[in-house]
Protein backbone atom coordinates (compact mmCIF):
# COMPACT_ATOMS: atom_id res chain seq x y z
CA MET A 1 49.96 110.41 65.31
CA ILE A 2 47.26 107.90 65.52
CA GLU A 3 46.14 106.52 62.17
CA ASN A 4 42.36 105.65 61.11
CA PRO A 5 42.15 101.90 61.89
CA GLU A 6 40.32 102.16 57.95
CA ARG A 7 43.22 103.56 56.42
CA VAL A 8 45.10 101.20 58.49
CA GLU A 9 43.13 98.59 56.58
CA GLU A 10 43.23 100.40 53.56
CA ARG A 11 46.65 100.59 53.57
CA GLU A 12 47.52 96.94 54.71
CA GLU A 13 45.35 95.76 52.01
CA MET A 14 47.63 98.04 49.34
CA GLU A 15 50.93 96.37 50.89
CA ARG A 16 49.51 93.04 50.32
CA LEU A 17 48.39 93.46 46.90
CA LEU A 18 51.78 95.36 45.93
CA TYR A 19 54.04 93.67 47.27
CA GLY A 20 52.56 89.49 48.72
CA PRO A 21 54.31 87.65 50.85
CA SER A 22 58.37 87.13 50.35
CA ASN A 23 61.63 88.12 51.95
CA ALA A 24 62.44 91.10 53.00
CA GLN A 25 65.19 91.90 50.24
CA SER A 26 62.94 91.24 46.86
CA ARG A 27 60.11 93.62 48.93
CA ALA A 28 62.05 95.94 49.49
CA GLY A 29 63.32 96.12 45.60
CA ARG A 30 59.33 95.98 45.04
CA THR A 31 58.76 98.85 47.53
CA GLY A 32 61.23 100.81 45.44
CA ALA A 33 59.61 99.78 42.33
CA ALA A 34 56.38 101.01 43.82
CA SER A 35 57.39 103.88 45.32
CA GLU A 36 58.99 104.85 41.93
CA LEU A 37 54.73 104.26 40.28
CA VAL A 38 53.81 106.30 43.06
CA VAL A 39 55.74 109.40 41.37
CA CYS A 40 55.05 108.40 37.97
CA VAL A 41 51.14 108.83 38.43
CA ASP A 42 51.98 111.86 40.62
CA LEU A 43 53.95 113.49 37.84
CA ILE A 44 51.51 112.88 34.96
CA ARG A 45 48.75 114.63 37.10
CA ARG A 46 50.82 117.23 37.40
CA GLY A 47 51.19 117.66 33.35
CA TYR A 48 54.83 116.23 33.50
CA ASP A 49 55.35 112.75 30.76
CA VAL A 50 57.45 110.49 32.53
CA PHE A 51 59.82 108.29 31.92
CA ARG A 52 61.16 105.59 34.24
CA ALA A 53 65.07 104.64 34.35
CA VAL A 54 65.77 100.67 32.72
CA SER A 55 69.84 100.41 33.51
CA ALA A 56 69.98 99.94 37.53
CA GLN A 57 73.21 102.36 37.18
CA CYS A 58 71.06 104.70 36.39
CA CYS A 59 72.57 108.88 37.58
CA CYS A 60 68.33 108.90 38.50
CA ASP A 61 65.19 107.06 39.25
CA LEU A 62 63.32 109.10 36.73
CA ILE A 63 63.27 112.24 34.14
CA ALA A 64 60.09 114.40 34.12
CA VAL A 65 59.06 116.78 31.19
CA LYS A 66 56.82 119.44 31.24
CA GLY A 67 57.12 122.07 28.26
CA ILE A 68 60.90 123.14 28.21
CA ASN A 69 61.89 121.59 31.63
CA VAL A 70 63.30 118.60 32.76
CA LEU A 71 63.78 117.18 35.37
CA ARG A 72 65.81 114.53 36.82
CA VAL A 73 63.92 112.15 39.67
CA GLU A 74 65.70 110.32 42.37
CA VAL A 75 63.15 108.53 44.30
CA ARG A 76 62.94 107.35 48.50
CA THR A 77 60.77 105.40 50.25
CA ALA A 78 60.01 106.46 53.88
CA HIS A 79 59.98 104.19 56.30
CA GLY A 80 58.14 105.88 59.51
CA THR A 81 59.51 108.48 61.54
CA LYS A 82 62.38 109.25 59.44
CA GLY A 83 63.92 111.90 57.81
CA MET A 84 64.87 111.54 54.73
CA SER A 85 69.07 112.43 53.22
CA ALA A 86 70.04 113.70 49.75
CA SER A 87 71.48 110.13 47.83
CA LYS A 88 75.15 110.00 46.68
CA ARG A 89 74.11 107.27 43.61
CA GLY A 90 74.13 110.29 40.93
CA HIS A 91 73.03 113.55 39.72
CA TYR A 92 69.41 114.33 40.36
CA ASP A 93 67.79 118.10 39.84
CA VAL A 94 64.22 116.57 42.23
CA LEU A 95 64.60 114.13 45.24
CA ALA A 96 60.62 112.42 45.19
CA VAL A 97 60.27 111.14 48.78
CA VAL A 98 57.10 108.73 49.16
CA ARG A 99 55.75 108.18 52.90
CA GLU A 100 52.65 105.66 52.84
CA PHE A 101 51.32 107.05 48.93
CA ASN A 102 51.83 110.80 49.57
CA VAL A 103 54.46 112.71 47.53
CA SER A 104 56.30 115.57 48.50
CA TYR A 105 59.07 116.40 46.65
CA LYS A 106 62.32 118.65 47.49
CA PRO A 107 62.23 121.53 46.21
CA THR A 108 58.92 121.83 45.61
CA ILE A 109 57.86 121.55 41.94
CA SER A 110 54.77 122.61 40.65
């Protein structure tokens, strides 16, 4: 798929603002944190209250609450056309996959 040049420019500018120049390791950490924030915004727009993990060793990245429903959310960043596999790090109810600021959920949520 060929990406619209204006869209590419917009995405690259957003990445520069989010990540800035850095080494690969710290950029990867910031990429994960940025993906978590993208998912937070999406969940809030869907009407969820969202809570982020403070500890890096938590069983999931986010907790999303809507009414009586509580979801443990694991966030992953997809690159290119690679598929995403489930995390072995902990227990969660929903896997949120972020690809170029678009979020998909497995299983689907409302």
